[in-house]
PDB file of N, CA and C in Angstrom:
ATOM      1  N   MET A   1      32.267  15.212  13.998  1.00  0.00           N
ATOM      2  CA  MET A   1      32.627  15.462  15.371  1.00  0.00           C
ATOM      3  C   MET A   1      32.802  14.137  16.076  1.00  0.00           C
ATOM      4  N   ASN A   2      33.804  14.050  16.862  1.00  0.00           N
ATOM      5  CA  ASN A   2      34.086  12.829  17.584  1.00  0.00           C
ATOM      6  C   ASN A   2      33.708  12.971  19.045  1.00  0.00           C
ATOM      7  N   GLN A   3      32.461  13.329  19.300  1.00  0.00           N
ATOM      8  CA  GLN A   3      31.968  13.461  20.666  1.00  0.00           C
ATOM      9  C   GLN A   3      30.935  12.380  20.916  1.00  0.00           C
ATOM     10  N   PRO A   4      30.868  11.904  22.157  1.00  0.00           N
ATOM     11  CA  PRO A   4      29.813  10.944  22.475  1.00  0.00           C
ATOM     12  C   PRO A   4      28.446  11.605  22.340  1.00  0.00           C
ATOM     13  N   LEU A   5      27.440  10.815  22.081  1.00  0.00           N
ATOM     14  CA  LEU A   5      26.094  11.346  21.882  1.00  0.00           C
ATOM     15  C   LEU A   5      25.490  11.951  23.136  1.00  0.00           C
ATOM     16  N   ASN A   6      25.990  11.584  24.305  1.00  0.00           N
ATOM     17  CA  ASN A   6      25.422  12.123  25.538  1.00  0.00           C
ATOM     18  C   ASN A   6      26.138  13.394  26.008  1.00  0.00           C
ATOM     19  N   THR A   7      27.028  13.956  25.212  1.00  0.00           N
ATOM     20  CA  THR A   7      27.713  15.193  25.558  1.00  0.00           C
ATOM     21  C   THR A   7      26.757  16.365  25.384  1.00  0.00           C
ATOM     22  N   PRO A   8      26.666  17.248  26.389  1.00  0.00           N
ATOM     23  CA  PRO A   8      25.762  18.391  26.237  1.00  0.00           C
ATOM     24  C   PRO A   8      26.275  19.339  25.159  1.00  0.00           C
ATOM     25  N   PRO A   9      25.378  20.086  24.527  1.00  0.00           N
ATOM     26  CA  PRO A   9      25.806  21.011  23.482  1.00  0.00           C
ATOM     27  C   PRO A   9      26.660  22.132  24.082  1.00  0.00           C
ATOM     28  N   PRO A  10      27.526  22.747  23.274  1.00  0.00           N
ATOM     29  CA  PRO A  10      28.354  23.829  23.804  1.00  0.00           C
ATOM     30  C   PRO A  10      27.489  25.009  24.221  1.00  0.00           C
ATOM     31  N   ARG A  11      27.935  25.734  25.226  1.00  0.00           N
ATOM     32  CA  ARG A  11      27.188  26.885  25.721  1.00  0.00           C
ATOM     33  C   ARG A  11      27.756  28.154  25.134  1.00  0.00           C
ATOM     34  N   ARG A  12      26.889  29.169  25.016  1.00  0.00           N
ATOM     35  CA  ARG A  12      27.348  30.473  24.553  1.00  0.00           C
ATOM     36  C   ARG A  12      28.161  31.129  25.651  1.00  0.00           C
ATOM     37  N   PRO A  13      29.093  32.027  25.272  1.00  0.00           N
ATOM     38  CA  PRO A  13      29.863  32.715  26.306  1.00  0.00           C
ATOM     39  C   PRO A  13      28.945  33.568  27.185  1.00  0.00           C
ATOM     40  N   THR A  14      29.340  33.740  28.420  1.00  0.00           N
ATOM     41  CA  THR A  14      28.510  34.488  29.357  1.00  0.00           C
ATOM     42  C   THR A  14      28.579  35.989  29.123  1.00  0.00           C
ATOM     43  N   ASP A  15      29.514  36.450  28.291  1.00  0.00           N
ATOM     44  CA  ASP A  15      29.614  37.882  28.047  1.00  0.00           C
ATOM     45  C   ASP A  15      28.697  38.327  26.911  1.00  0.00           C
ATOM     46  N   ALA A  16      27.769  37.471  26.496  1.00  0.00           N
ATOM     47  CA  ALA A  16      26.822  37.852  25.449  1.00  0.00           C
ATOM     48  C   ALA A  16      25.945  38.995  25.959  1.00  0.00           C
ATOM     49  N   ASN A  17      25.320  39.720  25.046  1.00  0.00           N
ATOM     50  CA  ASN A  17      24.557  40.917  25.394  1.00  0.00           C
ATOM     51  C   ASN A  17      23.133  40.548  25.784  1.00  0.00           C
ATOM     52  N   PRO A  18      22.834  40.402  27.103  1.00  0.00           N
ATOM     53  CA  PRO A  18      21.481  40.028  27.493  1.00  0.00           C
ATOM     54  C   PRO A  18      20.523  41.207  27.407  1.00  0.00           C
ATOM     55  N   ALA A  19      19.261  40.875  27.287  1.00  0.00           N
ATOM     56  CA  ALA A  19      18.229  41.913  27.240  1.00  0.00           C
ATOM     57  C   ALA A  19      18.046  42.508  28.625  1.00  0.00           C
ATOM     58  N   PRO A  20      17.656  43.759  28.677  1.00  0.00           N
ATOM     59  CA  PRO A  20      17.404  44.341  29.992  1.00  0.00           C
ATOM     60  C   PRO A  20      16.195  43.678  30.643  1.00  0.00           C
ATOM     61  N   HIS A  21      16.171  43.682  31.966  1.00  0.00           N
ATOM     62  CA  HIS A  21      15.066  43.056  32.683  1.00  0.00           C
ATOM     63  C   HIS A  21      13.826  43.931  32.584  1.00  0.00           C
ATOM     64  N   VAL A  22      12.744  43.351  32.158  1.00  0.00           N
ATOM     65  CA  VAL A  22      11.469  44.051  32.071  1.00  0.00           C
ATOM     66  C   VAL A  22      10.607  43.521  33.196  1.00  0.00           C
ATOM     67  N   PRO A  23      10.090  44.409  34.070  1.00  0.00           N
ATOM     68  CA  PRO A  23       9.258  43.927  35.171  1.00  0.00           C
ATOM     69  C   PRO A  23       8.070  43.118  34.655  1.00  0.00           C
ATOM     70  N   GLY A  24       7.823  41.995  35.296  1.00  0.00           N
ATOM     71  CA  GLY A  24       6.705  41.144  34.903  1.00  0.00           C
ATOM     72  C   GLY A  24       7.072  40.150  33.815  1.00  0.00           C
ATOM     73  N   ALA A  25       8.251  40.279  33.248  1.00  0.00           N
ATOM     74  CA  ALA A  25       8.679  39.354  32.197  1.00  0.00           C
ATOM     75  C   ALA A  25       9.361  38.152  32.847  1.00  0.00           C
ATOM     76  N   ASN A  26       9.736  37.206  32.027  1.00  0.00           N
ATOM     77  CA  ASN A  26      10.455  36.032  32.495  1.00  0.00           C
ATOM     78  C   ASN A  26      11.716  36.480  33.223  1.00  0.00           C
ATOM     79  N   SER A  27      12.066  35.850  34.325  1.00  0.00           N
ATOM     80  CA  SER A  27      13.190  36.297  35.138  1.00  0.00           C
ATOM     81  C   SER A  27      14.539  36.000  34.504  1.00  0.00           C
ATOM     82  N   THR A  28      14.604  35.088  33.542  1.00  0.00           N
ATOM     83  CA  THR A  28      15.874  34.801  32.898  1.00  0.00           C
ATOM     84  C   THR A  28      16.041  35.692  31.679  1.00  0.00           C
ATOM     85  N   PRO A  29      17.139  36.483  31.620  1.00  0.00           N
ATOM     86  CA  PRO A  29      17.328  37.360  30.470  1.00  0.00           C
ATOM     87  C   PRO A  29      17.634  36.556  29.219  1.00  0.00           C
ATOM     88  N   SER A  30      17.139  37.014  28.095  1.00  0.00           N
ATOM     89  CA  SER A  30      17.395  36.321  26.838  1.00  0.00           C
ATOM     90  C   SER A  30      18.360  37.140  26.004  1.00  0.00           C
ATOM     91  N   ILE A  31      19.012  36.500  25.086  1.00  0.00           N
ATOM     92  CA  ILE A  31      19.946  37.181  24.202  1.00  0.00           C
ATOM     93  C   ILE A  31      19.137  37.821  23.088  1.00  0.00           C
ATOM     94  N   ARG A  32      19.431  39.088  22.801  1.00  0.00           N
ATOM     95  CA  ARG A  32      18.678  39.817  21.781  1.00  0.00           C
ATOM     96  C   ARG A  32      19.412  39.770  20.449  1.00  0.00           C
ATOM     97  N   CYS A  33      18.663  40.026  19.392  1.00  0.00           N
ATOM     98  CA  CYS A  33      19.242  39.995  18.050  1.00  0.00           C
ATOM     99  C   CYS A  33      20.154  41.210  17.853  1.00  0.00           C
ATOM    100  N   PRO A  34      21.095  41.144  16.906  1.00  0.00           N
ATOM    101  CA  PRO A  34      22.016  42.250  16.672  1.00  0.00           C
ATOM    102  C   PRO A  34      21.345  43.526  16.166  1.00  0.00           C
ATOM    103  N   ALA A  35      20.151  43.430  15.619  1.00  0.00           N
ATOM    104  CA  ALA A  35      19.461  44.617  15.111  1.00  0.00           C
ATOM    105  C   ALA A  35      18.796  45.420  16.219  1.00  0.00           C
ATOM    106  N   ALA A  36      18.693  44.875  17.413  1.00  0.00           N
ATOM    107  CA  ALA A  36      18.046  45.570  18.532  1.00  0.00           C
ATOM    108  C   ALA A  36      18.968  46.665  19.060  1.00  0.00           C
ATOM    109  N   ALA A  37      18.435  47.869  19.176  1.00  0.00           N
ATOM    110  CA  ALA A  37      19.203  48.971  19.745  1.00  0.00           C
ATOM    111  C   ALA A  37      19.375  48.731  21.235  1.00  0.00           C
ATOM    112  N   ALA A  38      20.477  49.213  21.785  1.00  0.00           N
ATOM    113  CA  ALA A  38      20.773  48.996  23.202  1.00  0.00           C
ATOM    114  C   ALA A  38      19.702  49.587  24.113  1.00  0.00           C
ATOM    115  N   LYS A  39      19.106  50.710  23.732  1.00  0.00           N
ATOM    116  CA  LYS A  39      18.107  51.363  24.575  1.00  0.00           C
ATOM    117  C   LYS A  39      16.680  50.918  24.270  1.00  0.00           C
ATOM    118  N   ASP A  40      16.492  50.072  23.286  1.00  0.00           N
ATOM    119  CA  ASP A  40      15.162  49.592  22.913  1.00  0.00           C
ATOM    120  C   ASP A  40      14.772  48.446  23.851  1.00  0.00           C
ATOM    121  N   PRO A  41      13.744  48.632  24.700  1.00  0.00           N
ATOM    122  CA  PRO A  41      13.401  47.601  25.680  1.00  0.00           C
ATOM    123  C   PRO A  41      12.517  46.474  25.146  1.00  0.00           C
ATOM    124  N   THR A  42      12.078  46.548  23.902  1.00  0.00           N
ATOM    125  CA  THR A  42      11.134  45.556  23.386  1.00  0.00           C
ATOM    126  C   THR A  42      11.827  44.227  23.104  1.00  0.00           C
ATOM    127  N   PRO A  43      11.132  43.110  23.334  1.00  0.00           N
ATOM    128  CA  PRO A  43      11.728  41.796  23.077  1.00  0.00           C
ATOM    129  C   PRO A  43      11.714  41.452  21.590  1.00  0.00           C
ATOM    130  N   CYS A  44      12.536  40.501  21.230  1.00  0.00           N
ATOM    131  CA  CYS A  44      12.573  40.016  19.844  1.00  0.00           C
ATOM    132  C   CYS A  44      11.285  39.264  19.529  1.00  0.00           C
ATOM    133  N   GLU A  45      10.931  39.253  18.245  1.00  0.00           N
ATOM    134  CA  GLU A  45       9.791  38.479  17.768  1.00  0.00           C
ATOM    135  C   GLU A  45      10.286  37.499  16.724  1.00  0.00           C
ATOM    136  N   GLY A  46      10.180  36.237  17.018  1.00  0.00           N
ATOM    137  CA  GLY A  46      10.583  35.209  16.060  1.00  0.00           C
ATOM    138  C   GLY A  46      12.083  34.978  16.039  1.00  0.00           C
ATOM    139  N   PRO A  47      12.561  34.320  14.973  1.00  0.00           N
ATOM    140  CA  PRO A  47      13.984  33.998  14.879  1.00  0.00           C
ATOM    141  C   PRO A  47      14.852  35.264  14.858  1.00  0.00           C
ATOM    142  N   GLN A  48      15.997  35.184  15.495  1.00  0.00           N
ATOM    143  CA  GLN A  48      16.883  36.340  15.587  1.00  0.00           C
ATOM    144  C   GLN A  48      17.689  36.580  14.318  1.00  0.00           C
ATOM    145  N   ASP A  49      17.531  35.736  13.337  1.00  0.00           N
ATOM    146  CA  ASP A  49      18.204  35.942  12.054  1.00  0.00           C
ATOM    147  C   ASP A  49      17.200  35.871  10.904  1.00  0.00           C
ATOM    148  N   ALA A  50      16.000  36.374  11.149  1.00  0.00           N
ATOM    149  CA  ALA A  50      14.917  36.281  10.164  1.00  0.00           C
ATOM    150  C   ALA A  50      15.146  37.175   8.960  1.00  0.00           C
ATOM    151  N   ALA A  51      15.844  38.283   9.144  1.00  0.00           N
ATOM    152  CA  ALA A  51      16.041  39.233   8.048  1.00  0.00           C
ATOM    153  C   ALA A  51      17.347  39.981   8.248  1.00  0.00           C
ATOM    154  N   THR A  52      17.761  40.677   7.184  1.00  0.00           N
ATOM    155  CA  THR A  52      18.968  41.492   7.231  1.00  0.00           C
ATOM    156  C   THR A  52      18.650  42.861   6.658  1.00  0.00           C
ATOM    157  N   ILE A  53      19.095  43.897   7.355  1.00  0.00           N
ATOM    158  CA  ILE A  53      18.935  45.276   6.902  1.00  0.00           C
ATOM    159  C   ILE A  53      20.292  45.759   6.402  1.00  0.00           C
ATOM    160  N   ILE A  54      20.290  46.455   5.275  1.00  0.00           N
ATOM    161  CA  ILE A  54      21.517  47.022   4.704  1.00  0.00           C
ATOM    162  C   ILE A  54      21.385  48.539   4.743  1.00  0.00           C
ATOM    163  N   ASP A  55      22.358  49.218   5.354  1.00  0.00           N
ATOM    164  CA  ASP A  55      22.289  50.678   5.373  1.00  0.00           C
ATOM    165  C   ASP A  55      22.850  51.229   4.063  1.00  0.00           C
ATOM    166  N   ARG A  56      22.803  52.544   3.899  1.00  0.00           N
ATOM    167  CA  ARG A  56      23.216  53.124   2.612  1.00  0.00           C
ATOM    168  C   ARG A  56      24.709  53.017   2.351  1.00  0.00           C
ATOM    169  N   HIS A  57      25.485  52.628   3.370  1.00  0.00           N
ATOM    170  CA  HIS A  57      26.926  52.437   3.198  1.00  0.00           C
ATOM    171  C   HIS A  57      27.281  50.972   2.960  1.00  0.00           C
ATOM    172  N   GLY A  58      26.268  50.103   2.923  1.00  0.00           N
ATOM    173  CA  GLY A  58      26.496  48.684   2.644  1.00  0.00           C
ATOM    174  C   GLY A  58      26.700  47.825   3.871  1.00  0.00           C
ATOM    175  N   ARG A  59      26.625  48.398   5.066  1.00  0.00           N
ATOM    176  CA  ARG A  59      26.775  47.599   6.283  1.00  0.00           C
ATOM    177  C   ARG A  59      25.491  46.833   6.537  1.00  0.00           C
ATOM    178  N   GLU A  60      25.635  45.588   6.967  1.00  0.00           N
ATOM    179  CA  GLU A  60      24.485  44.709   7.176  1.00  0.00           C
ATOM    180  C   GLU A  60      24.274  44.427   8.656  1.00  0.00           C
ATOM    181  N   SER A  61      23.017  44.271   9.033  1.00  0.00           N
ATOM    182  CA  SER A  61      22.672  43.902  10.396  1.00  0.00           C
ATOM    183  C   SER A  61      21.514  42.915  10.347  1.00  0.00           C
ATOM    184  N   ALA A  62      21.751  41.716  10.850  1.00  0.00           N
ATOM    185  CA  ALA A  62      20.707  40.685  10.873  1.00  0.00           C
ATOM    186  C   ALA A  62      19.919  40.800  12.163  1.00  0.00           C
ATOM    187  N   GLY A  63      18.664  40.399  12.121  1.00  0.00           N
ATOM    188  CA  GLY A  63      17.849  40.442  13.326  1.00  0.00           C
ATOM    189  C   GLY A  63      16.470  39.871  13.116  1.00  0.00           C
ATOM    190  N   CYS A  64      15.667  39.979  14.158  1.00  0.00           N
ATOM    191  CA  CYS A  64      14.284  39.519  14.069  1.00  0.00           C
ATOM    192  C   CYS A  64      13.474  40.538  13.261  1.00  0.00           C
ATOM    193  N   VAL A  65      12.283  40.159  12.851  1.00  0.00           N
ATOM    194  CA  VAL A  65      11.436  41.027  12.035  1.00  0.00           C
ATOM    195  C   VAL A  65      11.107  42.319  12.783  1.00  0.00           C
ATOM    196  N   HIS A  66      10.800  42.217  14.058  1.00  0.00           N
ATOM    197  CA  HIS A  66      10.423  43.377  14.867  1.00  0.00           C
ATOM    198  C   HIS A  66      11.550  44.412  14.925  1.00  0.00           C
ATOM    199  N   HIS A  67      12.750  43.985  15.277  1.00  0.00           N
ATOM    200  CA  HIS A  67      13.861  44.929  15.417  1.00  0.00           C
ATOM    201  C   HIS A  67      14.400  45.390  14.062  1.00  0.00           C
ATOM    202  N   CYS A  68      14.278  44.572  13.042  1.00  0.00           N
ATOM    203  CA  CYS A  68      14.661  45.026  11.695  1.00  0.00           C
ATOM    204  C   CYS A  68      13.744  46.162  11.241  1.00  0.00           C
ATOM    205  N   ALA A  69      12.465  46.058  11.541  1.00  0.00           N
ATOM    206  CA  ALA A  69      11.526  47.128  11.177  1.00  0.00           C
ATOM    207  C   ALA A  69      11.859  48.404  11.938  1.00  0.00           C
ATOM    208  N   ARG A  70      12.175  48.279  13.214  1.00  0.00           N
ATOM    209  CA  ARG A  70      12.515  49.449  14.012  1.00  0.00           C
ATOM    210  C   ARG A  70      13.828  50.072  13.529  1.00  0.00           C
ATOM    211  N   LEU A  71      14.764  49.245  13.129  1.00  0.00           N
ATOM    212  CA  LEU A  71      16.032  49.748  12.594  1.00  0.00           C
ATOM    213  C   LEU A  71      15.817  50.427  11.247  1.00  0.00           C
ATOM    214  N   LEU A  72      15.017  49.820  10.397  1.00  0.00           N
ATOM    215  CA  LEU A  72      14.728  50.386   9.081  1.00  0.00           C
ATOM    216  C   LEU A  72      14.047  51.743   9.195  1.00  0.00           C
ATOM    217  N   ALA A  73      13.172  51.902  10.191  1.00  0.00           N
ATOM    218  CA  ALA A  73      12.471  53.174  10.379  1.00  0.00           C
ATOM    219  C   ALA A  73      13.424  54.303  10.760  1.00  0.00           C
ATOM    220  N   GLY A  74      14.543  53.969  11.377  1.00  0.00           N
ATOM    221  CA  GLY A  74      15.469  54.991  11.833  1.00  0.00           C
ATOM    222  C   GLY A  74      16.664  55.239  10.935  1.00  0.00           C
ATOM    223  N   LEU A  75      16.829  54.456   9.874  1.00  0.00           N
ATOM    224  CA  LEU A  75      17.982  54.617   8.994  1.00  0.00           C
ATOM    225  C   LEU A  75      17.554  55.171   7.641  1.00  0.00           C
ATOM    226  N   GLU A  76      18.087  56.296   7.282  1.00  0.00           N
ATOM    227  CA  GLU A  76      17.785  56.876   5.969  1.00  0.00           C
ATOM    228  C   GLU A  76      18.570  56.120   4.898  1.00  0.00           C
ATOM    229  N   GLY A  77      17.875  55.727   3.859  1.00  0.00           N
ATOM    230  CA  GLY A  77      18.517  55.025   2.752  1.00  0.00           C
ATOM    231  C   GLY A  77      18.745  53.542   2.991  1.00  0.00           C
ATOM    232  N   ALA A  78      18.208  52.991   4.076  1.00  0.00           N
ATOM    233  CA  ALA A  78      18.375  51.562   4.363  1.00  0.00           C
ATOM    234  C   ALA A  78      17.351  50.752   3.586  1.00  0.00           C
ATOM    235  N   ARG A  79      17.622  49.459   3.459  1.00  0.00           N
ATOM    236  CA  ARG A  79      16.709  48.566   2.747  1.00  0.00           C
ATOM    237  C   ARG A  79      16.841  47.158   3.318  1.00  0.00           C
ATOM    238  N   VAL A  80      15.867  46.333   3.014  1.00  0.00           N
ATOM    239  CA  VAL A  80      15.901  44.930   3.408  1.00  0.00           C
ATOM    240  C   VAL A  80      16.740  44.180   2.379  1.00  0.00           C
ATOM    241  N   HIS A  81      17.557  43.258   2.849  1.00  0.00           N
ATOM    242  CA  HIS A  81      18.404  42.456   1.961  1.00  0.00           C
ATOM    243  C   HIS A  81      17.539  41.743   0.928  1.00  0.00           C
ATOM    244  N   PRO A  82      17.980  41.690  -0.332  1.00  0.00           N
ATOM    245  CA  PRO A  82      17.138  41.091  -1.384  1.00  0.00           C
ATOM    246  C   PRO A  82      16.856  39.600  -1.216  1.00  0.00           C
ATOM    247  N   PHE A  83      17.640  38.880  -0.421  1.00  0.00           N
ATOM    248  CA  PHE A  83      17.406  37.442  -0.268  1.00  0.00           C
ATOM    249  C   PHE A  83      16.456  37.109   0.878  1.00  0.00           C
ATOM    250  N   VAL A  84      15.939  38.113   1.555  1.00  0.00           N
ATOM    251  CA  VAL A  84      14.940  37.872   2.609  1.00  0.00           C
ATOM    252  C   VAL A  84      13.643  37.453   1.919  1.00  0.00           C
ATOM    253  N   PRO A  85      12.973  36.407   2.405  1.00  0.00           N
ATOM    254  CA  PRO A  85      11.708  35.984   1.781  1.00  0.00           C
ATOM    255  C   PRO A  85      10.699  37.135   1.730  1.00  0.00           C
ATOM    256  N   ALA A  86       9.940  37.186   0.655  1.00  0.00           N
ATOM    257  CA  ALA A  86       9.009  38.294   0.404  1.00  0.00           C
ATOM    258  C   ALA A  86       8.028  38.552   1.553  1.00  0.00           C
ATOM    259  N   PRO A  87       7.411  37.528   2.155  1.00  0.00           N
ATOM    260  CA  PRO A  87       6.471  37.823   3.244  1.00  0.00           C
ATOM    261  C   PRO A  87       7.135  38.548   4.423  1.00  0.00           C
ATOM    262  N   GLN A  88       8.357  38.138   4.762  1.00  0.00           N
ATOM    263  CA  GLN A  88       9.068  38.793   5.863  1.00  0.00           C
ATOM    264  C   GLN A  88       9.474  40.208   5.472  1.00  0.00           C
ATOM    265  N   ALA A  89       9.949  40.396   4.255  1.00  0.00           N
ATOM    266  CA  ALA A  89      10.353  41.724   3.799  1.00  0.00           C
ATOM    267  C   ALA A  89       9.164  42.679   3.795  1.00  0.00           C
ATOM    268  N   LEU A  90       8.011  42.213   3.316  1.00  0.00           N
ATOM    269  CA  LEU A  90       6.819  43.060   3.308  1.00  0.00           C
ATOM    270  C   LEU A  90       6.365  43.399   4.725  1.00  0.00           C
ATOM    271  N   ASP A  91       6.471  42.450   5.620  1.00  0.00           N
ATOM    272  CA  ASP A  91       6.118  42.692   7.017  1.00  0.00           C
ATOM    273  C   ASP A  91       7.035  43.765   7.619  1.00  0.00           C
ATOM    274  N   ILE A  92       8.311  43.685   7.328  1.00  0.00           N
ATOM    275  CA  ILE A  92       9.273  44.669   7.845  1.00  0.00           C
ATOM    276  C   ILE A  92       8.975  46.051   7.282  1.00  0.00           C
ATOM    277  N   TYR A  93       8.777  46.141   5.974  1.00  0.00           N
ATOM    278  CA  TYR A  93       8.493  47.444   5.360  1.00  0.00           C
ATOM    279  C   TYR A  93       7.186  48.044   5.897  1.00  0.00           C
ATOM    280  N   SER A  94       6.137  47.214   6.056  1.00  0.00           N
ATOM    281  CA  SER A  94       4.877  47.782   6.539  1.00  0.00           C
ATOM    282  C   SER A  94       4.964  48.200   8.002  1.00  0.00           C
ATOM    283  N   ARG A  95       5.697  47.457   8.810  1.00  0.00           N
ATOM    284  CA  ARG A  95       5.878  47.859  10.203  1.00  0.00           C
ATOM    285  C   ARG A  95       6.698  49.148  10.279  1.00  0.00           C
ATOM    286  N   ALA A  96       7.772  49.226   9.499  1.00  0.00           N
ATOM    287  CA  ALA A  96       8.649  50.401   9.537  1.00  0.00           C
ATOM    288  C   ALA A  96       7.911  51.656   9.084  1.00  0.00           C
ATOM    289  N   ARG A  97       7.003  51.510   8.158  1.00  0.00           N
ATOM    290  CA  ARG A  97       6.241  52.648   7.651  1.00  0.00           C
ATOM    291  C   ARG A  97       5.382  53.280   8.735  1.00  0.00           C
ATOM    292  N   GLU A  98       4.939  52.478   9.697  1.00  0.00           N
ATOM    293  CA  GLU A  98       4.073  52.952  10.772  1.00  0.00           C
ATOM    294  C   GLU A  98       4.848  53.520  11.964  1.00  0.00           C
ATOM    295  N   LEU A  99       6.165  53.356  11.972  1.00  0.00           N
ATOM    296  CA  LEU A  99       6.968  53.762  13.130  1.00  0.00           C
ATOM    297  C   LEU A  99       7.740  55.049  12.878  1.00  0.00           C
ATOM    298  N   PRO A 100       7.885  55.872  13.906  1.00  0.00           N
ATOM    299  CA  PRO A 100       8.791  57.012  13.795  1.00  0.00           C
ATOM    300  C   PRO A 100      10.220  56.520  14.034  1.00  0.00           C
ATOM    301  N   PRO A 101      11.217  57.281  13.611  1.00  0.00           N
ATOM    302  CA  PRO A 101      12.600  56.882  13.938  1.00  0.00           C
ATOM    303  C   PRO A 101      12.786  56.830  15.455  1.00  0.00           C
ATOM    304  N   PHE A 102      13.523  55.857  15.912  1.00  0.00           N
ATOM    305  CA  PHE A 102      13.830  55.684  17.334  1.00  0.00           C
ATOM    306  C   PHE A 102      12.543  55.644  18.166  1.00  0.00           C
ATOM    307  N   ALA A 103      11.650  54.769  17.804  1.00  0.00           N
ATOM    308  CA  ALA A 103      10.322  54.688  18.420  1.00  0.00           C
ATOM    309  C   ALA A 103      10.370  54.432  19.922  1.00  0.00           C
ATOM    310  N   TRP A 104      11.398  53.752  20.418  1.00  0.00           N
ATOM    311  CA  TRP A 104      11.491  53.444  21.832  1.00  0.00           C
ATOM    312  C   TRP A 104      11.708  54.711  22.670  1.00  0.00           C
ATOM    313  N   GLU A 105      12.187  55.790  22.057  1.00  0.00           N
ATOM    314  CA  GLU A 105      12.405  57.025  22.808  1.00  0.00           C
ATOM    315  C   GLU A 105      11.104  57.734  23.153  1.00  0.00           C
ATOM    316  N   ILE A 106      10.045  57.437  22.418  1.00  0.00           N
ATOM    317  CA  ILE A 106       8.753  58.069  22.711  1.00  0.00           C
ATOM    318  C   ILE A 106       7.742  57.043  23.233  1.00  0.00           C
ATOM    319  N   GLY A 107       8.243  55.866  23.592  1.00  0.00           N
ATOM    320  CA  GLY A 107       7.379  54.870  24.208  1.00  0.00           C
ATOM    321  C   GLY A 107       6.587  54.016  23.258  1.00  0.00           C
ATOM    322  N   ARG A 108       6.991  53.881  22.022  1.00  0.00           N
ATOM    323  CA  ARG A 108       6.297  53.018  21.074  1.00  0.00           C
ATOM    324  C   ARG A 108       7.059  51.764  20.812  1.00  0.00           C
TER     325      ARG A 108
END
C-alpha cells in the first residue's frame, strides 16, 4: 500500500447491521456477527469469526461462539465446521445442547 503511515484506517460502511439498543448497555451500537439472528437481542461473545456453522444444505455462517451455539440449536442437521479449533467447537456443542431452538423467543 502506498499510503502515508499517519493515514487513518478505512472505515466500515454506515449501512452495516448494528445491534439493537439494549437499555443500560453502551450507547454506541456495535456490529453483530453474521450468525446472530435479527430478533436475538443478546450481544456477541468474543471474536465475530470464531467459528463457522454449516447447515444440512452446505450453507455456512461464521460468527461468535455464543451466536453459533444459538444458531446450531435451531438448525436441524447443522454442524460446526471441521476446521474450528476443538475447544471452541466443544463449547458451541455444549452450549447448543442446553438451549431450545430460537431461545430468544422465550427469553433465554
